Amino acid sequence: MPNIKPISDLRNYTEVLSEVHEDSPVYLTRNGRGEYVIIKLQELDKLKARIQLLEKLAEGEASVQDKAWISVDDVNKMLGL
């Protein structure tokens, strides 16, 4: 279940921060609507890495559609295997 708190709870920020765990962010609301999320730095790093991977995969997919597929042997040669 998501941990949702009003932004006014940040007055006691140490308590709010103690509730932030990996894979368990704290969602903050303003006037009853979602506004912010507090996550651990490690979680942010993972999210950024996933985004970069997805961007690279999208580039690869676009390249395949523009060009042709390359063989496994060609890939191995390019990687020096």
PDB file of N, CA and C in Angstrom:
ATOM      1  N   MET A   1       0.845  -1.170   0.000  1.00  0.00           N
ATOM      2  CA  MET A   1       0.000   0.000   0.000  1.00  0.00           C
ATOM      3  C   MET A   1       0.900   1.245   0.000  1.00  0.00           C
ATOM      4  N   PRO A   2       0.621   2.201  -0.858  1.00  0.00           N
ATOM      5  CA  PRO A   2       1.462   3.399  -0.921  1.00  0.00           C
ATOM      6  C   PRO A   2       1.402   4.203   0.376  1.00  0.00           C
ATOM      7  N   ASN A   3       2.526   4.818   0.692  1.00  0.00           N
ATOM      8  CA  ASN A   3       2.638   5.668   1.868  1.00  0.00           C
ATOM      9  C   ASN A   3       2.379   7.103   1.415  1.00  0.00           C
ATOM     10  N   ILE A   4       1.182   7.608   1.687  1.00  0.00           N
ATOM     11  CA  ILE A   4       0.760   8.929   1.221  1.00  0.00           C
ATOM     12  C   ILE A   4       0.558   9.835   2.431  1.00  0.00           C
ATOM     13  N   LYS A   5       1.161  11.015   2.368  1.00  0.00           N
ATOM     14  CA  LYS A   5       1.075  11.960   3.478  1.00  0.00           C
ATOM     15  C   LYS A   5       0.835  13.366   2.927  1.00  0.00           C
ATOM     16  N   PRO A   6       0.176  14.202   3.697  1.00  0.00           N
ATOM     17  CA  PRO A   6       0.060  15.612   3.293  1.00  0.00           C
ATOM     18  C   PRO A   6       1.416  16.289   3.447  1.00  0.00           C
ATOM     19  N   ILE A   7       1.675  17.248   2.597  1.00  0.00           N
ATOM     20  CA  ILE A   7       2.964  17.935   2.626  1.00  0.00           C
ATOM     21  C   ILE A   7       3.207  18.622   3.973  1.00  0.00           C
ATOM     22  N   SER A   8       2.156  18.946   4.686  1.00  0.00           N
ATOM     23  CA  SER A   8       2.304  19.578   6.001  1.00  0.00           C
ATOM     24  C   SER A   8       3.026  18.665   6.991  1.00  0.00           C
ATOM     25  N   ASP A   9       3.034  17.349   6.740  1.00  0.00           N
ATOM     26  CA  ASP A   9       3.763  16.411   7.606  1.00  0.00           C
ATOM     27  C   ASP A   9       5.271  16.643   7.558  1.00  0.00           C
ATOM     28  N   LEU A  10       5.748  17.401   6.573  1.00  0.00           N
ATOM     29  CA  LEU A  10       7.180  17.674   6.492  1.00  0.00           C
ATOM     30  C   LEU A  10       7.663  18.584   7.614  1.00  0.00           C
ATOM     31  N   ARG A  11       6.730  19.134   8.367  1.00  0.00           N
ATOM     32  CA  ARG A  11       7.151  19.902   9.546  1.00  0.00           C
ATOM     33  C   ARG A  11       7.979  19.016  10.463  1.00  0.00           C
ATOM     34  N   ASN A  12       7.627  17.744  10.491  1.00  0.00           N
ATOM     35  CA  ASN A  12       8.385  16.752  11.249  1.00  0.00           C
ATOM     36  C   ASN A  12       9.076  15.849  10.223  1.00  0.00           C
ATOM     37  N   TYR A  13      10.001  16.435   9.474  1.00  0.00           N
ATOM     38  CA  TYR A  13      10.596  15.739   8.332  1.00  0.00           C
ATOM     39  C   TYR A  13      11.396  14.502   8.723  1.00  0.00           C
ATOM     40  N   THR A  14      11.979  14.467   9.913  1.00  0.00           N
ATOM     41  CA  THR A  14      12.760  13.279  10.294  1.00  0.00           C
ATOM     42  C   THR A  14      11.873  12.045  10.364  1.00  0.00           C
ATOM     43  N   GLU A  15      10.657  12.211  10.833  1.00  0.00           N
ATOM     44  CA  GLU A  15       9.716  11.080  10.884  1.00  0.00           C
ATOM     45  C   GLU A  15       9.341  10.637   9.473  1.00  0.00           C
ATOM     46  N   VAL A  16       9.062  11.615   8.599  1.00  0.00           N
ATOM     47  CA  VAL A  16       8.698  11.286   7.213  1.00  0.00           C
ATOM     48  C   VAL A  16       9.860  10.580   6.519  1.00  0.00           C
ATOM     49  N   LEU A  17      11.075  11.109   6.688  1.00  0.00           N
ATOM     50  CA  LEU A  17      12.241  10.501   6.038  1.00  0.00           C
ATOM     51  C   LEU A  17      12.520   9.105   6.560  1.00  0.00           C
ATOM     52  N   SER A  18      12.203   8.833   7.810  1.00  0.00           N
ATOM     53  CA  SER A  18      12.431   7.494   8.361  1.00  0.00           C
ATOM     54  C   SER A  18      11.504   6.456   7.729  1.00  0.00           C
ATOM     55  N   GLU A  19      10.454   6.913   7.090  1.00  0.00           N
ATOM     56  CA  GLU A  19       9.509   6.006   6.439  1.00  0.00           C
ATOM     57  C   GLU A  19       9.870   5.710   4.976  1.00  0.00           C
ATOM     58  N   VAL A  20      10.883   6.389   4.461  1.00  0.00           N
ATOM     59  CA  VAL A  20      11.310   6.181   3.075  1.00  0.00           C
ATOM     60  C   VAL A  20      12.272   4.998   3.045  1.00  0.00           C
ATOM     61  N   HIS A  21      11.946   3.989   2.262  1.00  0.00           N
ATOM     62  CA  HIS A  21      12.785   2.806   2.113  1.00  0.00           C
ATOM     63  C   HIS A  21      12.900   2.478   0.632  1.00  0.00           C
ATOM     64  N   GLU A  22      13.848   1.620   0.294  1.00  0.00           N
ATOM     65  CA  GLU A  22      13.993   1.202  -1.094  1.00  0.00           C
ATOM     66  C   GLU A  22      12.713   0.497  -1.526  1.00  0.00           C
ATOM     67  N   ASP A  23      12.249   0.820  -2.696  1.00  0.00           N
ATOM     68  CA  ASP A  23      10.990   0.301  -3.250  1.00  0.00           C
ATOM     69  C   ASP A  23       9.774   0.697  -2.414  1.00  0.00           C
ATOM     70  N   SER A  24       9.913   1.704  -1.566  1.00  0.00           N
ATOM     71  CA  SER A  24       8.803   2.170  -0.744  1.00  0.00           C
ATOM     72  C   SER A  24       8.915   3.679  -0.546  1.00  0.00           C
ATOM     73  N   PRO A  25       8.579   4.461  -1.581  1.00  0.00           N
ATOM     74  CA  PRO A  25       8.677   5.914  -1.469  1.00  0.00           C
ATOM     75  C   PRO A  25       7.550   6.478  -0.612  1.00  0.00           C
ATOM     76  N   VAL A  26       7.691   7.735  -0.254  1.00  0.00           N
ATOM     77  CA  VAL A  26       6.625   8.461   0.433  1.00  0.00           C
ATOM     78  C   VAL A  26       6.075   9.484  -0.560  1.00  0.00           C
ATOM     79  N   TYR A  27       4.776   9.436  -0.774  1.00  0.00           N
ATOM     80  CA  TYR A  27       4.102  10.362  -1.677  1.00  0.00           C
ATOM     81  C   TYR A  27       3.542  11.514  -0.855  1.00  0.00           C
ATOM     82  N   LEU A  28       3.779  12.728  -1.309  1.00  0.00           N
ATOM     83  CA  LEU A  28       3.286  13.912  -0.614  1.00  0.00           C
ATOM     84  C   LEU A  28       2.184  14.581  -1.427  1.00  0.00           C
ATOM     85  N   THR A  29       1.150  14.986  -0.730  1.00  0.00           N
ATOM     86  CA  THR A  29       0.030  15.642  -1.399  1.00  0.00           C
ATOM     87  C   THR A  29      -0.032  17.111  -0.988  1.00  0.00           C
ATOM     88  N   ARG A  30      -0.581  17.900  -1.881  1.00  0.00           N
ATOM     89  CA  ARG A  30      -0.859  19.319  -1.597  1.00  0.00           C
ATOM     90  C   ARG A  30      -2.308  19.553  -2.003  1.00  0.00           C
ATOM     91  N   ASN A  31      -3.088  20.049  -1.067  1.00  0.00           N
ATOM     92  CA  ASN A  31      -4.527  20.276  -1.303  1.00  0.00           C
ATOM     93  C   ASN A  31      -5.219  19.000  -1.802  1.00  0.00           C
ATOM     94  N   GLY A  32      -4.800  17.864  -1.252  1.00  0.00           N
ATOM     95  CA  GLY A  32      -5.438  16.593  -1.588  1.00  0.00           C
ATOM     96  C   GLY A  32      -5.011  15.964  -2.898  1.00  0.00           C
ATOM     97  N   ARG A  33      -4.072  16.563  -3.580  1.00  0.00           N
ATOM     98  CA  ARG A  33      -3.603  16.025  -4.870  1.00  0.00           C
ATOM     99  C   ARG A  33      -2.125  15.676  -4.770  1.00  0.00           C
ATOM    100  N   GLY A  34      -1.740  14.599  -5.458  1.00  0.00           N
ATOM    101  CA  GLY A  34      -0.341  14.190  -5.483  1.00  0.00           C
ATOM    102  C   GLY A  34       0.538  15.289  -6.059  1.00  0.00           C
ATOM    103  N   GLU A  35       1.657  15.562  -5.374  1.00  0.00           N
ATOM    104  CA  GLU A  35       2.526  16.650  -5.812  1.00  0.00           C
ATOM    105  C   GLU A  35       3.997  16.232  -5.852  1.00  0.00           C
ATOM    106  N   TYR A  36       4.459  15.476  -4.859  1.00  0.00           N
ATOM    107  CA  TYR A  36       5.873  15.120  -4.747  1.00  0.00           C
ATOM    108  C   TYR A  36       6.026  13.666  -4.320  1.00  0.00           C
ATOM    109  N   VAL A  37       7.249  13.156  -4.546  1.00  0.00           N
ATOM    110  CA  VAL A  37       7.609  11.824  -4.073  1.00  0.00           C
ATOM    111  C   VAL A  37       9.004  11.915  -3.465  1.00  0.00           C
ATOM    112  N   ILE A  38       9.177  11.276  -2.322  1.00  0.00           N
ATOM    113  CA  ILE A  38      10.499  11.201  -1.708  1.00  0.00           C
ATOM    114  C   ILE A  38      10.991   9.768  -1.889  1.00  0.00           C
ATOM    115  N   ILE A  39      12.163   9.635  -2.536  1.00  0.00           N
ATOM    116  CA  ILE A  39      12.750   8.314  -2.734  1.00  0.00           C
ATOM    117  C   ILE A  39      14.207   8.344  -2.279  1.00  0.00           C
ATOM    118  N   LYS A  40      14.766   7.168  -2.056  1.00  0.00           N
ATOM    119  CA  LYS A  40      16.177   7.040  -1.702  1.00  0.00           C
ATOM    120  C   LYS A  40      17.015   7.349  -2.941  1.00  0.00           C
ATOM    121  N   LEU A  41      18.233   7.854  -2.740  1.00  0.00           N
ATOM    122  CA  LEU A  41      19.122   8.162  -3.866  1.00  0.00           C
ATOM    123  C   LEU A  41      19.434   6.912  -4.687  1.00  0.00           C
ATOM    124  N   GLN A  42      19.599   5.773  -4.028  1.00  0.00           N
ATOM    125  CA  GLN A  42      19.881   4.536  -4.754  1.00  0.00           C
ATOM    126  C   GLN A  42      18.735   4.206  -5.710  1.00  0.00           C
ATOM    127  N   GLU A  43      17.508   4.461  -5.271  1.00  0.00           N
ATOM    128  CA  GLU A  43      16.344   4.209  -6.113  1.00  0.00           C
ATOM    129  C   GLU A  43      16.341   5.160  -7.309  1.00  0.00           C
ATOM    130  N   LEU A  44      16.700   6.408  -7.089  1.00  0.00           N
ATOM    131  CA  LEU A  44      16.791   7.384  -8.176  1.00  0.00           C
ATOM    132  C   LEU A  44      17.847   6.945  -9.190  1.00  0.00           C
ATOM    133  N   ASP A  45      18.997   6.480  -8.696  1.00  0.00           N
ATOM    134  CA  ASP A  45      20.051   6.004  -9.594  1.00  0.00           C
ATOM    135  C   ASP A  45      19.570   4.831 -10.436  1.00  0.00           C
ATOM    136  N   LYS A  46      18.820   3.914  -9.828  1.00  0.00           N
ATOM    137  CA  LYS A  46      18.273   2.772 -10.578  1.00  0.00           C
ATOM    138  C   LYS A  46      17.313   3.246 -11.660  1.00  0.00           C
ATOM    139  N   LEU A  47      16.444   4.187 -11.300  1.00  0.00           N
ATOM    140  CA  LEU A  47      15.479   4.707 -12.275  1.00  0.00           C
ATOM    141  C   LEU A  47      16.181   5.382 -13.449  1.00  0.00           C
ATOM    142  N   LYS A  48      17.217   6.163 -13.151  1.00  0.00           N
ATOM    143  CA  LYS A  48      17.976   6.813 -14.224  1.00  0.00           C
ATOM    144  C   LYS A  48      18.642   5.784 -15.119  1.00  0.00           C
ATOM    145  N   ALA A  49      19.210   4.741 -14.526  1.00  0.00           N
ATOM    146  CA  ALA A  49      19.860   3.692 -15.317  1.00  0.00           C
ATOM    147  C   ALA A  49      18.845   2.984 -16.207  1.00  0.00           C
ATOM    148  N   ARG A  50      17.658   2.728 -15.685  1.00  0.00           N
ATOM    149  CA  ARG A  50      16.605   2.085 -16.491  1.00  0.00           C
ATOM    150  C   ARG A  50      16.204   2.968 -17.671  1.00  0.00           C
ATOM    151  N   ILE A  51      16.077   4.261 -17.412  1.00  0.00           N
ATOM    152  CA  ILE A  51      15.713   5.192 -18.483  1.00  0.00           C
ATOM    153  C   ILE A  51      16.788   5.196 -19.569  1.00  0.00           C
ATOM    154  N   GLN A  52      18.065   5.243 -19.152  1.00  0.00           N
ATOM    155  CA  GLN A  52      19.153   5.225 -20.130  1.00  0.00           C
ATOM    156  C   GLN A  52      19.136   3.935 -20.941  1.00  0.00           C
ATOM    157  N   LEU A  53      18.886   2.805 -20.274  1.00  0.00           N
ATOM    158  CA  LEU A  53      18.820   1.533 -20.980  1.00  0.00           C
ATOM    159  C   LEU A  53      17.675   1.532 -21.981  1.00  0.00           C
ATOM    160  N   LEU A  54      16.518   2.000 -21.563  1.00  0.00           N
ATOM    161  CA  LEU A  54      15.373   2.050 -22.474  1.00  0.00           C
ATOM    162  C   LEU A  54      15.638   2.973 -23.664  1.00  0.00           C
ATOM    163  N   GLU A  55      16.333   4.092 -23.427  1.00  0.00           N
ATOM    164  CA  GLU A  55      16.679   4.984 -24.532  1.00  0.00           C
ATOM    165  C   GLU A  55      17.613   4.295 -25.507  1.00  0.00           C
ATOM    166  N   LYS A  56      18.608   3.561 -24.997  1.00  0.00           N
ATOM    167  CA  LYS A  56      19.543   2.837 -25.866  1.00  0.00           C
ATOM    168  C   LYS A  56      18.814   1.748 -26.650  1.00  0.00           C
ATOM    169  N   LEU A  57      17.898   1.044 -25.985  1.00  0.00           N
ATOM    170  CA  LEU A  57      17.125   0.007 -26.678  1.00  0.00           C
ATOM    171  C   LEU A  57      16.261   0.621 -27.777  1.00  0.00           C
ATOM    172  N   ALA A  58      15.688   1.790 -27.505  1.00  0.00           N
ATOM    173  CA  ALA A  58      14.879   2.476 -28.517  1.00  0.00           C
ATOM    174  C   ALA A  58      15.752   2.901 -29.699  1.00  0.00           C
ATOM    175  N   GLU A  59      16.970   3.378 -29.408  1.00  0.00           N
ATOM    176  CA  GLU A  59      17.902   3.733 -30.490  1.00  0.00           C
ATOM    177  C   GLU A  59      18.224   2.510 -31.335  1.00  0.00           C
ATOM    178  N   GLY A  60      18.471   1.384 -30.669  1.00  0.00           N
ATOM    179  CA  GLY A  60      18.784   0.157 -31.386  1.00  0.00           C
ATOM    180  C   GLY A  60      17.630  -0.306 -32.252  1.00  0.00           C
ATOM    181  N   GLU A  61      16.430  -0.217 -31.712  1.00  0.00           N
ATOM    182  CA  GLU A  61      15.256  -0.623 -32.469  1.00  0.00           C
ATOM    183  C   GLU A  61      15.057   0.287 -33.684  1.00  0.00           C
ATOM    184  N   ALA A  62      15.260   1.587 -33.493  1.00  0.00           N
ATOM    185  CA  ALA A  62      15.129   2.522 -34.615  1.00  0.00           C
ATOM    186  C   ALA A  62      16.198   2.246 -35.662  1.00  0.00           C
ATOM    187  N   SER A  63      17.404   1.913 -35.209  1.00  0.00           N
ATOM    188  CA  SER A  63      18.486   1.606 -36.126  1.00  0.00           C
ATOM    189  C   SER A  63      18.162   0.368 -36.959  1.00  0.00           C
ATOM    190  N   VAL A  64      17.573  -0.623 -36.314  1.00  0.00           N
ATOM    191  CA  VAL A  64      17.212  -1.857 -37.021  1.00  0.00           C
ATOM    192  C   VAL A  64      16.156  -1.564 -38.071  1.00  0.00           C
ATOM    193  N   GLN A  65      15.217  -0.698 -37.747  1.00  0.00           N
ATOM    194  CA  GLN A  65      14.165  -0.378 -38.706  1.00  0.00           C
ATOM    195  C   GLN A  65      14.710   0.433 -39.879  1.00  0.00           C
ATOM    196  N   ASP A  66      15.729   1.272 -39.628  1.00  0.00           N
ATOM    197  CA  ASP A  66      16.330   2.078 -40.687  1.00  0.00           C
ATOM    198  C   ASP A  66      17.312   1.260 -41.520  1.00  0.00           C
ATOM    199  N   LYS A  67      18.012   0.357 -40.847  1.00  0.00           N
ATOM    200  CA  LYS A  67      19.037  -0.444 -41.510  1.00  0.00           C
ATOM    201  C   LYS A  67      18.612  -1.895 -41.461  1.00  0.00           C
ATOM    202  N   ALA A  68      19.543  -2.777 -41.619  1.00  0.00           N
ATOM    203  CA  ALA A  68      19.233  -4.201 -41.565  1.00  0.00           C
ATOM    204  C   ALA A  68      19.792  -4.798 -40.278  1.00  0.00           C
ATOM    205  N   TRP A  69      19.316  -5.969 -39.951  1.00  0.00           N
ATOM    206  CA  TRP A  69      19.845  -6.711 -38.811  1.00  0.00           C
ATOM    207  C   TRP A  69      21.271  -7.133 -39.123  1.00  0.00           C
ATOM    208  N   ILE A  70      22.079  -7.301 -38.096  1.00  0.00           N
ATOM    209  CA  ILE A  70      23.423  -7.838 -38.307  1.00  0.00           C
ATOM    210  C   ILE A  70      23.492  -9.215 -37.669  1.00  0.00           C
ATOM    211  N   SER A  71      24.350 -10.029 -38.182  1.00  0.00           N
ATOM    212  CA  SER A  71      24.437 -11.409 -37.709  1.00  0.00           C
ATOM    213  C   SER A  71      25.145 -11.479 -36.358  1.00  0.00           C
ATOM    214  N   VAL A  72      24.970 -12.605 -35.691  1.00  0.00           N
ATOM    215  CA  VAL A  72      25.625 -12.837 -34.408  1.00  0.00           C
ATOM    216  C   VAL A  72      27.136 -12.828 -34.596  1.00  0.00           C
ATOM    217  N   ASP A  73      27.610 -13.402 -35.696  1.00  0.00           N
ATOM    218  CA  ASP A  73      29.051 -13.418 -35.972  1.00  0.00           C
ATOM    219  C   ASP A  73      29.611 -12.009 -36.091  1.00  0.00           C
ATOM    220  N   ASP A  74      28.859 -11.124 -36.760  1.00  0.00           N
ATOM    221  CA  ASP A  74      29.297  -9.730 -36.895  1.00  0.00           C
ATOM    222  C   ASP A  74      29.336  -9.035 -35.536  1.00  0.00           C
ATOM    223  N   VAL A  75      28.345  -9.308 -34.702  1.00  0.00           N
ATOM    224  CA  VAL A  75      28.331  -8.727 -33.350  1.00  0.00           C
ATOM    225  C   VAL A  75      29.542  -9.199 -32.569  1.00  0.00           C
ATOM    226  N   ASN A  76      29.798 -10.498 -32.622  1.00  0.00           N
ATOM    227  CA  ASN A  76      30.961 -11.043 -31.904  1.00  0.00           C
ATOM    228  C   ASN A  76      32.266 -10.418 -32.394  1.00  0.00           C
ATOM    229  N   LYS A  77      32.374 -10.201 -33.708  1.00  0.00           N
ATOM    230  CA  LYS A  77      33.566  -9.562 -34.251  1.00  0.00           C
ATOM    231  C   LYS A  77      33.697  -8.130 -33.717  1.00  0.00           C
ATOM    232  N   MET A  78      32.585  -7.408 -33.680  1.00  0.00           N
ATOM    233  CA  MET A  78      32.595  -6.035 -33.199  1.00  0.00           C
ATOM    234  C   MET A  78      32.995  -5.976 -31.711  1.00  0.00           C
ATOM    235  N   LEU A  79      32.612  -7.017 -30.966  1.00  0.00           N
ATOM    236  CA  LEU A  79      32.935  -7.060 -29.544  1.00  0.00           C
ATOM    237  C   LEU A  79      34.291  -7.695 -29.278  1.00  0.00           C
ATOM    238  N   GLY A  80      34.939  -8.175 -30.320  1.00  0.00           N
ATOM    239  CA  GLY A  80      36.247  -8.799 -30.179  1.00  0.00           C
ATOM    240  C   GLY A  80      36.185 -10.177 -29.563  1.00  0.00           C
ATOM    241  N   LEU A  81      35.079 -10.867 -29.790  1.00  0.00           N
ATOM    242  CA  LEU A  81      34.921 -12.222 -29.252  1.00  0.00           C
ATOM    243  C   LEU A  81      35.274 -13.284 -30.262  1.00  0.00           C
TER     244      LEU A  81
END
